[in-house]
């Protein structure tokens, strides 16, 4: 009887250890997917790079990645970031503003974002950050497909 209980306990322990080791990561522990550059722009003494899985900004809902690097290419944690896509009023169309909602990743200086671009065309990306790396702000053009 004792041998059976010991054998069952050993098997259950192995299953638990194997199951824990093979579990998938979720939430903020997810790795940042390989992304293609949409646009890179200087901001202060850093470079901000906007990327997506396709390398294009598209009309509609999508995920983007924003990363900040120094002159050597090393990621820099800039603290709080904001990115707004602005299209000025034209004719009878009112100005449009589509803000990106960002979350941090496990890599300092790399942020994952979600945005819904209202229409295809030329947008002004208004980027700002503030934190341990100081403050920075820039605007650059990007075309949504």
N, C-alpha and C. Protein backbone atom coordinates (compact mmCIF):
# COMPACT_ATOMS: atom_id res chain seq x y z
N UNK A 1 0.83 -1.19 0.00
CA UNK A 1 0.00 0.00 0.00
C UNK A 1 0.87 1.25 0.00
N UNK A 2 1.92 1.28 0.85
CA UNK A 2 2.79 2.45 0.92
C UNK A 2 3.50 2.68 -0.40
N UNK A 3 3.89 1.58 -1.10
CA UNK A 3 4.56 1.71 -2.39
C UNK A 3 3.63 2.32 -3.42
N UNK A 4 2.35 1.98 -3.40
CA UNK A 4 1.38 2.53 -4.36
C UNK A 4 1.19 4.01 -4.13
N UNK A 5 1.04 4.43 -2.88
CA UNK A 5 0.87 5.85 -2.57
C UNK A 5 2.11 6.63 -2.97
N UNK A 6 3.30 6.08 -2.69
CA UNK A 6 4.54 6.74 -3.05
C UNK A 6 4.67 6.86 -4.57
N UNK A 7 4.30 5.82 -5.30
CA UNK A 7 4.38 5.85 -6.77
C UNK A 7 3.41 6.89 -7.34
N UNK A 8 2.20 6.95 -6.81
CA UNK A 8 1.21 7.93 -7.28
C UNK A 8 1.70 9.35 -6.98
N UNK A 9 2.22 9.57 -5.80
CA UNK A 9 2.72 10.89 -5.42
C UNK A 9 3.88 11.31 -6.32
N UNK A 10 4.76 10.38 -6.67
CA UNK A 10 5.89 10.68 -7.55
C UNK A 10 5.39 11.05 -8.95
N UNK A 11 4.45 10.29 -9.48
CA UNK A 11 3.90 10.57 -10.81
C UNK A 11 3.21 11.93 -10.83
N UNK A 12 2.41 12.23 -9.81
CA UNK A 12 1.73 13.53 -9.75
C UNK A 12 2.73 14.68 -9.66
N UNK A 13 3.80 14.49 -8.90
CA UNK A 13 4.83 15.53 -8.80
C UNK A 13 5.49 15.77 -10.15
N UNK A 14 5.80 14.70 -10.88
CA UNK A 14 6.40 14.85 -12.20
C UNK A 14 5.46 15.57 -13.17
N UNK A 15 4.19 15.21 -13.15
CA UNK A 15 3.21 15.86 -14.02
C UNK A 15 3.14 17.35 -13.70
N UNK A 16 3.14 17.70 -12.43
CA UNK A 16 3.08 19.10 -12.03
C UNK A 16 4.32 19.86 -12.49
N UNK A 17 5.50 19.27 -12.32
CA UNK A 17 6.75 19.93 -12.73
C UNK A 17 6.78 20.10 -14.25
N UNK A 18 6.42 19.07 -14.99
CA UNK A 18 6.43 19.15 -16.46
C UNK A 18 5.39 20.15 -16.93
N UNK A 19 4.21 20.13 -16.36
CA UNK A 19 3.15 21.08 -16.75
C UNK A 19 3.54 22.52 -16.49
N UNK A 20 4.20 22.78 -15.37
CA UNK A 20 4.64 24.14 -15.06
C UNK A 20 5.71 24.60 -16.04
N UNK A 21 6.63 23.75 -16.38
CA UNK A 21 7.70 24.11 -17.30
C UNK A 21 7.23 24.32 -18.72
N UNK A 22 6.14 23.67 -19.11
CA UNK A 22 5.65 23.78 -20.48
C UNK A 22 4.56 24.82 -20.63
N UNK A 23 4.16 25.47 -19.58
CA UNK A 23 3.09 26.46 -19.66
C UNK A 23 3.47 27.62 -20.55
N UNK A 24 2.47 28.27 -21.12
CA UNK A 24 2.75 29.41 -22.00
C UNK A 24 2.75 30.70 -21.20
N UNK A 25 3.50 31.67 -21.70
CA UNK A 25 3.54 32.98 -21.06
C UNK A 25 2.41 33.83 -21.61
N UNK A 26 1.82 34.64 -20.75
CA UNK A 26 0.76 35.54 -21.17
C UNK A 26 0.95 36.89 -20.52
N UNK A 27 0.11 37.83 -20.90
CA UNK A 27 0.14 39.14 -20.26
C UNK A 27 1.42 39.89 -20.57
N UNK A 28 1.94 40.61 -19.57
CA UNK A 28 3.11 41.46 -19.79
C UNK A 28 4.38 40.66 -20.02
N UNK A 29 4.35 39.34 -19.82
CA UNK A 29 5.54 38.54 -20.06
C UNK A 29 5.67 38.10 -21.51
N UNK A 30 4.68 38.42 -22.34
CA UNK A 30 4.76 38.05 -23.75
C UNK A 30 5.94 38.77 -24.38
N UNK A 31 6.60 38.06 -25.30
CA UNK A 31 7.68 38.72 -26.02
C UNK A 31 7.07 39.62 -27.08
N UNK A 32 7.82 40.63 -27.47
CA UNK A 32 7.35 41.54 -28.50
C UNK A 32 7.52 40.84 -29.83
N UNK A 33 6.45 40.76 -30.64
CA UNK A 33 6.56 40.07 -31.92
C UNK A 33 7.51 40.82 -32.85
N UNK A 34 8.13 40.08 -33.78
CA UNK A 34 8.98 40.73 -34.76
C UNK A 34 8.14 41.70 -35.56
N UNK A 35 8.59 42.93 -35.64
CA UNK A 35 7.82 43.96 -36.30
C UNK A 35 8.66 44.61 -37.38
N UNK A 36 7.97 45.15 -38.38
CA UNK A 36 8.63 45.85 -39.47
C UNK A 36 8.43 47.34 -39.27
N UNK A 37 9.45 48.11 -39.57
CA UNK A 37 9.44 49.55 -39.33
C UNK A 37 8.45 50.25 -40.26
N UNK A 38 7.61 51.07 -39.64
CA UNK A 38 6.73 51.99 -40.39
C UNK A 38 7.48 53.29 -40.60
N UNK A 39 8.05 53.82 -39.52
CA UNK A 39 8.76 55.10 -39.58
C UNK A 39 9.66 55.23 -38.35
N UNK A 40 10.85 55.78 -38.55
CA UNK A 40 11.75 56.12 -37.45
C UNK A 40 11.96 57.62 -37.48
N UNK A 41 11.98 58.25 -36.30
CA UNK A 41 12.13 59.70 -36.23
C UNK A 41 13.00 60.08 -35.04
N UNK A 42 13.84 61.11 -35.19
CA UNK A 42 14.62 61.58 -34.05
C UNK A 42 13.71 62.32 -33.08
N UNK A 43 13.95 62.12 -31.79
CA UNK A 43 13.24 62.85 -30.75
C UNK A 43 14.25 63.12 -29.64
N UNK A 44 14.67 64.38 -29.55
CA UNK A 44 15.76 64.71 -28.65
C UNK A 44 17.02 64.00 -29.10
N UNK A 45 17.73 63.35 -28.16
CA UNK A 45 18.94 62.61 -28.52
C UNK A 45 18.64 61.12 -28.73
N UNK A 46 17.37 60.78 -28.91
CA UNK A 46 16.95 59.39 -29.10
C UNK A 46 16.33 59.21 -30.49
N UNK A 47 16.11 57.96 -30.86
CA UNK A 47 15.36 57.64 -32.07
C UNK A 47 14.12 56.86 -31.66
N UNK A 48 12.97 57.33 -32.12
CA UNK A 48 11.71 56.63 -31.88
C UNK A 48 11.37 55.86 -33.15
N UNK A 49 11.03 54.58 -33.00
CA UNK A 49 10.71 53.74 -34.14
C UNK A 49 9.31 53.16 -33.97
N UNK A 50 8.45 53.48 -34.93
CA UNK A 50 7.08 52.96 -34.96
C UNK A 50 7.06 51.77 -35.90
N UNK A 51 6.55 50.63 -35.42
CA UNK A 51 6.56 49.39 -36.20
C UNK A 51 5.21 48.69 -36.10
N UNK A 52 4.98 47.78 -37.04
CA UNK A 52 3.81 46.90 -37.00
C UNK A 52 4.20 45.58 -37.64
N UNK A 53 3.31 44.62 -37.58
CA UNK A 53 3.61 43.30 -38.16
C UNK A 53 3.76 43.37 -39.68
N UNK A 54 3.11 44.35 -40.31
CA UNK A 54 3.17 44.48 -41.77
C UNK A 54 4.13 45.57 -42.25
N UNK A 55 4.55 46.44 -41.34
CA UNK A 55 5.38 47.57 -41.74
C UNK A 55 4.58 48.71 -42.33
N UNK A 56 3.25 48.67 -42.14
CA UNK A 56 2.38 49.72 -42.65
C UNK A 56 1.38 50.13 -41.58
N UNK A 57 1.01 51.40 -41.60
CA UNK A 57 -0.11 51.87 -40.80
C UNK A 57 -1.33 51.70 -41.69
N UNK A 58 -2.38 51.11 -41.16
CA UNK A 58 -3.56 50.83 -41.96
C UNK A 58 -4.80 51.46 -41.35
N UNK A 59 -5.79 51.68 -42.17
CA UNK A 59 -7.09 52.14 -41.67
C UNK A 59 -7.69 51.03 -40.83
N UNK A 60 -8.30 51.40 -39.68
CA UNK A 60 -8.95 50.42 -38.82
C UNK A 60 -8.13 50.07 -37.59
N UNK A 61 -8.62 49.07 -36.85
CA UNK A 61 -7.95 48.62 -35.62
C UNK A 61 -6.65 47.90 -35.94
N UNK A 62 -5.63 48.16 -35.14
CA UNK A 62 -4.35 47.49 -35.32
C UNK A 62 -3.47 47.65 -34.10
N UNK A 63 -2.44 46.80 -34.05
CA UNK A 63 -1.44 46.88 -32.99
C UNK A 63 -0.16 47.43 -33.58
N UNK A 64 0.51 48.28 -32.80
CA UNK A 64 1.79 48.86 -33.20
C UNK A 64 2.77 48.71 -32.06
N UNK A 65 4.04 48.84 -32.39
CA UNK A 65 5.10 48.83 -31.40
C UNK A 65 5.87 50.14 -31.53
N UNK A 66 6.19 50.76 -30.41
CA UNK A 66 6.98 51.97 -30.39
C UNK A 66 8.20 51.71 -29.53
N UNK A 67 9.38 51.96 -30.09
CA UNK A 67 10.60 51.73 -29.33
C UNK A 67 11.49 52.97 -29.38
N UNK A 68 12.26 53.15 -28.32
CA UNK A 68 13.18 54.27 -28.20
C UNK A 68 14.58 53.72 -28.02
N UNK A 69 15.53 54.23 -28.81
CA UNK A 69 16.92 53.79 -28.72
C UNK A 69 17.85 54.99 -28.68
N UNK A 70 19.03 54.76 -28.07
CA UNK A 70 20.05 55.81 -28.06
C UNK A 70 20.90 55.71 -29.32
N UNK A 71 21.96 56.51 -29.42
CA UNK A 71 22.77 56.55 -30.63
C UNK A 71 23.49 55.23 -30.91
N UNK A 72 23.66 54.40 -29.89
CA UNK A 72 24.31 53.09 -30.10
C UNK A 72 23.30 51.99 -30.41
N UNK A 73 22.00 52.34 -30.44
CA UNK A 73 20.97 51.36 -30.73
C UNK A 73 20.43 50.64 -29.50
N UNK A 74 20.88 51.05 -28.33
CA UNK A 74 20.43 50.42 -27.08
C UNK A 74 19.06 50.97 -26.69
N UNK A 75 18.10 50.08 -26.32
CA UNK A 75 16.78 50.56 -25.88
C UNK A 75 16.88 51.46 -24.66
N UNK A 76 16.05 52.51 -24.64
CA UNK A 76 16.03 53.47 -23.54
C UNK A 76 14.61 53.57 -23.00
N UNK A 77 14.45 53.34 -21.70
CA UNK A 77 13.15 53.49 -21.05
C UNK A 77 12.88 54.98 -20.87
N UNK A 78 11.85 55.48 -21.54
CA UNK A 78 11.56 56.92 -21.49
C UNK A 78 10.42 57.26 -20.54
N UNK A 79 9.84 56.27 -19.89
CA UNK A 79 8.74 56.53 -18.95
C UNK A 79 7.40 56.56 -19.67
N UNK A 80 6.62 57.59 -19.41
CA UNK A 80 5.28 57.71 -20.00
C UNK A 80 5.38 58.19 -21.45
N UNK A 81 4.64 57.54 -22.34
CA UNK A 81 4.64 57.93 -23.75
C UNK A 81 3.21 58.20 -24.22
N UNK A 82 3.11 59.08 -25.20
CA UNK A 82 1.82 59.31 -25.86
C UNK A 82 2.08 59.46 -27.35
N UNK A 83 1.14 58.95 -28.14
CA UNK A 83 1.21 59.08 -29.59
C UNK A 83 -0.20 59.30 -30.10
N UNK A 84 -0.37 60.40 -30.81
CA UNK A 84 -1.67 60.76 -31.37
C UNK A 84 -1.50 60.95 -32.87
N UNK A 85 -2.38 60.32 -33.64
CA UNK A 85 -2.40 60.52 -35.09
C UNK A 85 -3.42 61.60 -35.38
N UNK A 86 -2.95 62.69 -35.99
CA UNK A 86 -3.80 63.87 -36.25
C UNK A 86 -3.92 64.10 -37.76
N UNK A 87 -5.16 64.31 -38.21
CA UNK A 87 -5.41 64.72 -39.58
C UNK A 87 -6.20 66.02 -39.50
N UNK A 88 -5.65 67.12 -40.07
CA UNK A 88 -6.33 68.42 -39.97
C UNK A 88 -7.63 68.43 -40.76
N UNK A 89 -8.49 69.39 -40.43
CA UNK A 89 -9.77 69.56 -41.14
C UNK A 89 -9.50 69.86 -42.61
N UNK A 90 -10.34 69.28 -43.47
CA UNK A 90 -10.23 69.52 -44.90
C UNK A 90 -11.63 69.66 -45.47
N UNK A 91 -11.90 70.78 -46.15
CA UNK A 91 -13.22 70.97 -46.73
C UNK A 91 -14.29 70.85 -45.66
N UNK A 92 -15.23 69.94 -45.86
CA UNK A 92 -16.32 69.73 -44.91
C UNK A 92 -16.00 68.71 -43.84
N UNK A 93 -14.77 68.16 -43.86
CA UNK A 93 -14.40 67.14 -42.89
C UNK A 93 -13.74 67.79 -41.67
N UNK A 94 -14.20 67.40 -40.50
CA UNK A 94 -13.62 67.91 -39.25
C UNK A 94 -12.25 67.27 -39.04
N UNK A 95 -11.42 67.92 -38.23
CA UNK A 95 -10.12 67.35 -37.86
C UNK A 95 -10.34 66.02 -37.14
N UNK A 96 -9.40 65.10 -37.32
CA UNK A 96 -9.50 63.79 -36.67
C UNK A 96 -8.26 63.56 -35.81
N UNK A 97 -8.47 62.93 -34.66
CA UNK A 97 -7.40 62.56 -33.75
C UNK A 97 -7.62 61.13 -33.29
N UNK A 98 -6.65 60.27 -33.56
CA UNK A 98 -6.71 58.86 -33.15
C UNK A 98 -5.51 58.57 -32.25
N UNK A 99 -5.78 58.43 -30.95
CA UNK A 99 -4.71 58.21 -29.97
C UNK A 99 -4.40 56.73 -29.83
N UNK A 100 -3.13 56.43 -29.59
CA UNK A 100 -2.67 55.07 -29.35
C UNK A 100 -2.73 54.81 -27.85
N UNK A 101 -3.23 53.65 -27.46
CA UNK A 101 -3.24 53.22 -26.07
C UNK A 101 -2.06 52.26 -25.90
N UNK A 102 -1.09 52.65 -25.05
CA UNK A 102 0.13 51.87 -24.89
C UNK A 102 0.15 51.06 -23.61
N UNK A 103 0.86 49.93 -23.67
CA UNK A 103 1.23 49.15 -22.49
C UNK A 103 2.73 48.90 -22.58
N UNK A 104 3.37 48.71 -21.43
CA UNK A 104 4.79 48.42 -21.43
C UNK A 104 5.02 46.96 -21.76
N UNK A 105 6.25 46.63 -22.10
CA UNK A 105 6.64 45.25 -22.35
C UNK A 105 7.75 44.90 -21.38
N UNK A 106 8.24 43.69 -21.46
CA UNK A 106 9.35 43.27 -20.61
C UNK A 106 10.67 43.93 -21.01
N UNK A 107 10.70 44.53 -22.20
CA UNK A 107 11.90 45.21 -22.67
C UNK A 107 11.77 46.71 -22.41
N UNK A 108 12.60 47.27 -21.54
CA UNK A 108 12.53 48.71 -21.29
C UNK A 108 12.71 49.49 -22.60
N UNK A 109 11.90 50.52 -22.79
CA UNK A 109 11.99 51.33 -24.00
C UNK A 109 11.17 50.82 -25.15
N UNK A 110 10.46 49.70 -24.96
CA UNK A 110 9.60 49.14 -26.01
C UNK A 110 8.18 49.09 -25.48
N UNK A 111 7.27 49.69 -26.24
CA UNK A 111 5.87 49.82 -25.84
C UNK A 111 4.99 49.20 -26.91
N UNK A 112 3.95 48.49 -26.48
CA UNK A 112 2.97 47.89 -27.38
C UNK A 112 1.72 48.75 -27.34
N UNK A 113 1.14 49.04 -28.51
CA UNK A 113 -0.02 49.92 -28.55
C UNK A 113 -1.12 49.42 -29.46
N UNK A 114 -2.33 49.95 -29.20
CA UNK A 114 -3.50 49.66 -30.04
C UNK A 114 -4.09 50.99 -30.47
N UNK A 115 -4.50 51.04 -31.75
CA UNK A 115 -5.07 52.26 -32.29
C UNK A 115 -6.08 51.90 -33.37
N UNK A 116 -7.05 52.79 -33.55
CA UNK A 116 -8.03 52.64 -34.63
C UNK A 116 -7.89 53.87 -35.51
N UNK A 117 -7.27 53.69 -36.68
CA UNK A 117 -7.08 54.78 -37.62
C UNK A 117 -8.37 54.96 -38.43
N UNK A 118 -8.92 56.18 -38.36
CA UNK A 118 -10.23 56.47 -38.93
C UNK A 118 -10.33 56.39 -40.44
N UNK A 119 -9.25 56.71 -41.14
CA UNK A 119 -9.30 56.66 -42.60
C UNK A 119 -7.90 56.62 -43.18
N UNK A 120 -7.80 56.14 -44.41
CA UNK A 120 -6.52 56.13 -45.10
C UNK A 120 -6.13 57.56 -45.44
N UNK A 121 -4.84 57.80 -45.55
CA UNK A 121 -4.36 59.12 -45.93
C UNK A 121 -3.17 59.55 -45.10
N UNK A 122 -2.79 60.81 -45.27
CA UNK A 122 -1.62 61.38 -44.59
C UNK A 122 -1.99 61.85 -43.19
N UNK A 123 -1.27 61.37 -42.18
CA UNK A 123 -1.49 61.71 -40.78
C UNK A 123 -0.24 62.33 -40.21
N UNK A 124 -0.39 63.18 -39.22
CA UNK A 124 0.72 63.72 -38.45
C UNK A 124 0.78 62.95 -37.14
N UNK A 125 1.87 62.23 -36.92
CA UNK A 125 2.05 61.49 -35.68
C UNK A 125 2.67 62.44 -34.66
N UNK A 126 1.95 62.69 -33.58
CA UNK A 126 2.39 63.61 -32.52
C UNK A 126 2.84 62.77 -31.34
N UNK A 127 4.15 62.71 -31.13
CA UNK A 127 4.76 61.83 -30.15
C UNK A 127 5.35 62.65 -29.01
N UNK A 128 5.15 62.18 -27.77
CA UNK A 128 5.75 62.83 -26.60
C UNK A 128 6.09 61.77 -25.57
N UNK A 129 7.13 62.06 -24.78
CA UNK A 129 7.48 61.19 -23.66
C UNK A 129 7.98 62.04 -22.51
N UNK A 130 7.90 61.46 -21.30
CA UNK A 130 8.41 62.12 -20.10
C UNK A 130 8.72 61.07 -19.05
N UNK A 131 9.92 61.15 -18.50
CA UNK A 131 10.32 60.18 -17.48
C UNK A 131 11.77 60.35 -17.12
N UNK A 132 12.39 59.25 -16.72
CA UNK A 132 13.78 59.26 -16.27
C UNK A 132 14.73 59.75 -17.35
N UNK A 133 14.38 59.53 -18.62
CA UNK A 133 15.24 59.97 -19.73
C UNK A 133 15.00 61.43 -20.09
N UNK A 134 14.15 62.11 -19.33
CA UNK A 134 13.84 63.51 -19.60
C UNK A 134 12.52 63.65 -20.35
N UNK A 135 12.39 64.76 -21.08
CA UNK A 135 11.18 65.02 -21.87
C UNK A 135 11.56 65.11 -23.32
N UNK A 136 10.65 64.68 -24.17
CA UNK A 136 10.87 64.80 -25.61
C UNK A 136 9.55 64.90 -26.33
N UNK A 137 9.60 65.52 -27.51
CA UNK A 137 8.39 65.70 -28.29
C UNK A 137 8.79 65.88 -29.75
N UNK A 138 8.02 65.27 -30.65
CA UNK A 138 8.26 65.43 -32.08
C UNK A 138 6.97 65.16 -32.84
N UNK A 139 6.95 65.58 -34.09
CA UNK A 139 5.85 65.30 -34.99
C UNK A 139 6.45 64.80 -36.31
N UNK A 140 5.87 63.75 -36.87
CA UNK A 140 6.34 63.24 -38.15
C UNK A 140 5.15 62.75 -38.96
N UNK A 141 5.30 62.78 -40.28
CA UNK A 141 4.23 62.34 -41.18
C UNK A 141 4.26 60.85 -41.38
N UNK A 142 3.09 60.26 -41.49
CA UNK A 142 2.97 58.84 -41.79
C UNK A 142 1.69 58.65 -42.60
N UNK A 143 1.74 57.77 -43.58
CA UNK A 143 0.59 57.53 -44.45
C UNK A 143 -0.10 56.23 -44.04
N UNK A 144 -1.40 56.29 -43.82
CA UNK A 144 -2.19 55.09 -43.52
C UNK A 144 -2.73 54.55 -44.85
N UNK A 145 -2.62 53.26 -45.02
CA UNK A 145 -3.09 52.60 -46.25
C UNK A 145 -4.58 52.29 -46.16
